[in-house]
């Protein structure tokens, strides 16, 4: 049975991509490797990263694909493969994965959601930016450095106090 995905050329998608071993911290430990893998894939298979957050064991992203292309699976496969090849083999690899010549770093599948409209887009961007708080890594989204929240603030798309500020933060200019 073929796994069915929404594949609409030029569409915008929300993704969740997980490590196989959810207690690992490989994504933040090797965030530069992940960024380089993504950059290389974008050079040959263009797409726009609208929003992203990289957490220790998973990431969330919103991508917009080119008008004539719907193959996000290929892009994720290339990113995951490039990232995996860079790391030393230290993970547990199941017999099933060994037989297929696979590493055991990533979950095989990922979650995708076709963004329906502007409201859906905004809700998913908020979810991405608030995710480090939700998981207890930081008290406010701006404290997490592996997030596009900083780009959104820099471009004045959201306020620095979008998800709350300390009481005195922003009151006194220096």
Protein backbone atom coordinates (compact mmCIF):
# COMPACT_ATOMS: atom_id res chain seq x y z
CA UNK A 1 0.00 0.00 0.00
CA UNK A 2 1.32 3.42 -0.97
CA UNK A 3 1.21 6.08 1.74
CA UNK A 4 -1.00 8.90 0.47
CA UNK A 5 0.18 12.46 0.78
CA UNK A 6 -1.27 15.75 -0.34
CA UNK A 7 0.95 16.78 -3.20
CA UNK A 8 -0.04 20.12 -4.65
CA UNK A 9 2.57 21.90 -6.80
CA UNK A 10 3.51 25.33 -5.45
CA UNK A 11 1.68 24.76 -2.17
CA UNK A 12 2.71 25.62 1.37
CA UNK A 13 3.09 22.78 3.89
CA UNK A 14 3.64 22.39 7.63
CA UNK A 15 5.99 19.54 8.63
CA UNK A 16 7.01 17.71 11.78
CA UNK A 17 10.15 15.60 11.41
CA UNK A 18 11.38 13.45 14.33
CA UNK A 19 14.49 11.59 15.35
CA UNK A 20 13.99 7.85 15.79
CA UNK A 21 15.30 8.03 19.36
CA UNK A 22 13.32 10.87 20.89
CA UNK A 23 15.65 11.21 23.87
CA UNK A 24 18.61 12.18 21.68
CA UNK A 25 19.65 15.80 21.14
CA UNK A 26 21.29 15.39 17.75
CA UNK A 27 19.46 18.22 16.01
CA UNK A 28 20.70 20.97 18.33
CA UNK A 29 24.05 19.24 18.93
CA UNK A 30 24.64 19.27 15.16
CA UNK A 31 22.46 22.20 14.09
CA UNK A 32 25.14 23.51 11.73
CA UNK A 33 25.24 20.14 9.95
CA UNK A 34 21.44 20.26 9.59
CA UNK A 35 21.57 23.81 8.25
CA UNK A 36 24.26 22.88 5.73
CA UNK A 37 22.32 19.80 4.59
CA UNK A 38 19.22 21.96 4.09
CA UNK A 39 21.19 24.63 2.25
CA UNK A 40 22.65 22.04 -0.16
CA UNK A 41 19.24 20.57 -0.92
CA UNK A 42 17.75 24.04 -1.49
CA UNK A 43 20.43 24.76 -4.11
CA UNK A 44 19.31 21.85 -6.29
CA UNK A 45 15.65 21.56 -5.29
CA UNK A 46 14.46 25.03 -4.45
CA UNK A 47 11.87 25.78 -1.79
CA UNK A 48 11.21 28.58 0.67
CA UNK A 49 11.41 28.06 4.41
CA UNK A 50 8.62 30.27 5.71
CA UNK A 51 9.08 29.33 9.39
CA UNK A 52 11.13 26.77 11.32
CA UNK A 53 12.10 25.67 14.81
CA UNK A 54 14.77 23.09 15.53
CA UNK A 55 14.44 21.29 18.86
CA UNK A 56 16.74 18.59 20.28
CA UNK A 57 14.77 15.62 18.91
CA UNK A 58 12.40 17.05 16.29
CA UNK A 59 11.75 20.04 14.11
CA UNK A 60 8.76 21.85 12.69
CA UNK A 61 8.85 23.80 9.46
CA UNK A 62 6.64 25.52 6.94
CA UNK A 63 7.83 25.32 3.35
CA UNK A 64 6.50 26.77 0.13
CA UNK A 65 7.41 24.77 -2.96
CA UNK A 66 7.96 26.09 -6.50
CA UNK A 67 4.87 26.44 -8.71
CA UNK A 68 5.66 23.32 -10.76
CA UNK A 69 6.84 21.08 -7.93
CA UNK A 70 5.14 19.10 -5.15
CA UNK A 71 7.95 16.72 -4.19
CA UNK A 72 8.63 17.64 -0.56
CA UNK A 73 9.33 13.97 0.26
CA UNK A 74 12.40 13.99 -1.96
CA UNK A 75 13.69 17.12 -0.24
CA UNK A 76 13.22 15.64 3.25
CA UNK A 77 14.86 12.40 2.13
CA UNK A 78 17.90 14.31 0.83
CA UNK A 79 18.16 16.50 3.95
CA UNK A 80 17.84 13.54 6.32
CA UNK A 81 20.34 11.49 4.29
CA UNK A 82 22.91 14.25 4.09
CA UNK A 83 22.61 14.96 7.82
CA UNK A 84 22.91 11.25 8.68
CA UNK A 85 25.97 10.61 6.49
CA UNK A 86 27.84 13.36 8.33
CA UNK A 87 27.40 11.79 11.78
CA UNK A 88 29.38 8.87 13.19
CA UNK A 89 27.38 5.66 13.49
CA UNK A 90 26.45 5.59 17.15
CA UNK A 91 22.70 4.98 17.00
CA UNK A 92 20.79 1.77 17.54
CA UNK A 93 19.89 0.28 14.15
CA UNK A 94 17.08 -2.27 13.90
CA UNK A 95 17.44 -5.42 11.81
CA UNK A 96 14.83 -4.06 9.41
CA UNK A 97 16.87 -0.89 8.85
CA UNK A 98 20.13 -2.84 8.56
CA UNK A 99 18.60 -5.05 5.88
CA UNK A 100 17.62 -1.94 3.91
CA UNK A 101 20.98 -0.22 4.41
CA UNK A 102 19.38 2.54 6.49
CA UNK A 103 20.66 4.45 9.47
CA UNK A 104 18.62 4.67 12.64
CA UNK A 105 18.74 8.44 13.16
CA UNK A 106 15.37 9.59 11.79
CA UNK A 107 11.86 8.26 11.98
CA UNK A 108 11.08 6.94 8.52
CA UNK A 109 8.02 9.06 8.01
CA UNK A 110 7.15 12.63 8.82
CA UNK A 111 3.95 14.57 9.34
CA UNK A 112 2.81 17.03 6.71
CA UNK A 113 -0.19 19.30 6.53
CA UNK A 114 -1.25 21.29 3.49
CA UNK A 115 -1.75 24.90 4.56
CA UNK A 116 -5.26 25.93 3.56
CA UNK A 117 -5.35 29.70 3.98
CA UNK A 118 -3.75 32.68 5.72
CA UNK A 119 -5.36 31.87 9.08
CA UNK A 120 -4.08 28.29 8.91
CA UNK A 121 -0.62 29.61 8.02
CA UNK A 122 -0.59 32.04 10.97
CA UNK A 123 -1.76 29.36 13.43
CA UNK A 124 1.03 27.02 12.32
CA UNK A 125 3.66 29.77 12.47
CA UNK A 126 2.55 30.52 16.03
CA UNK A 127 2.71 26.82 16.88
CA UNK A 128 6.25 26.60 15.51
CA UNK A 129 7.48 29.66 17.38
CA UNK A 130 5.84 28.67 20.67
CA UNK A 131 7.01 25.03 20.55
CA UNK A 132 10.22 25.49 22.62
CA UNK A 133 8.08 26.98 25.41
CA UNK A 134 5.54 24.17 25.12
CA UNK A 135 8.30 21.60 25.62
CA UNK A 136 9.78 23.50 28.59
CA UNK A 137 13.11 24.43 27.01
CA UNK A 138 12.61 28.18 27.52
CA UNK A 139 10.16 30.59 29.14
CA UNK A 140 9.50 32.65 26.02
CA UNK A 141 9.97 31.96 22.29
CA UNK A 142 12.69 34.59 21.85
CA UNK A 143 14.93 32.69 24.28
CA UNK A 144 15.23 29.76 21.81
CA UNK A 145 17.97 30.49 19.29
CA UNK A 146 17.08 27.81 16.71
CA UNK A 147 13.85 29.46 15.60
CA UNK A 148 12.63 31.72 12.83
CA UNK A 149 10.87 33.81 15.49
CA UNK A 150 13.95 36.07 15.42
CA UNK A 151 13.59 36.64 11.66
CA UNK A 152 9.87 37.41 12.11
CA UNK A 153 10.69 40.01 14.78
CA UNK A 154 13.52 41.50 12.72
CA UNK A 155 11.17 41.90 9.73
CA UNK A 156 8.53 43.40 12.06
CA UNK A 157 6.05 40.64 11.21
CA UNK A 158 5.48 40.09 14.93
CA UNK A 159 6.23 42.07 18.08
CA UNK A 160 9.18 41.08 20.29
CA UNK A 161 6.53 40.63 23.00
CA UNK A 162 4.31 38.48 20.75
CA UNK A 163 4.12 35.63 23.28
CA UNK A 164 4.68 37.74 26.37
CA UNK A 165 7.49 39.73 27.88
CA UNK A 166 8.89 40.09 31.33
CA UNK A 167 7.08 42.85 33.24
CA UNK A 168 9.85 45.42 32.84
CA UNK A 169 11.07 44.31 29.42
CA UNK A 170 10.50 46.96 26.79
CA UNK A 171 9.33 49.64 29.24
CA UNK A 172 12.56 51.50 29.68
CA UNK A 173 14.73 52.56 26.76
CA UNK A 174 18.45 52.85 27.26
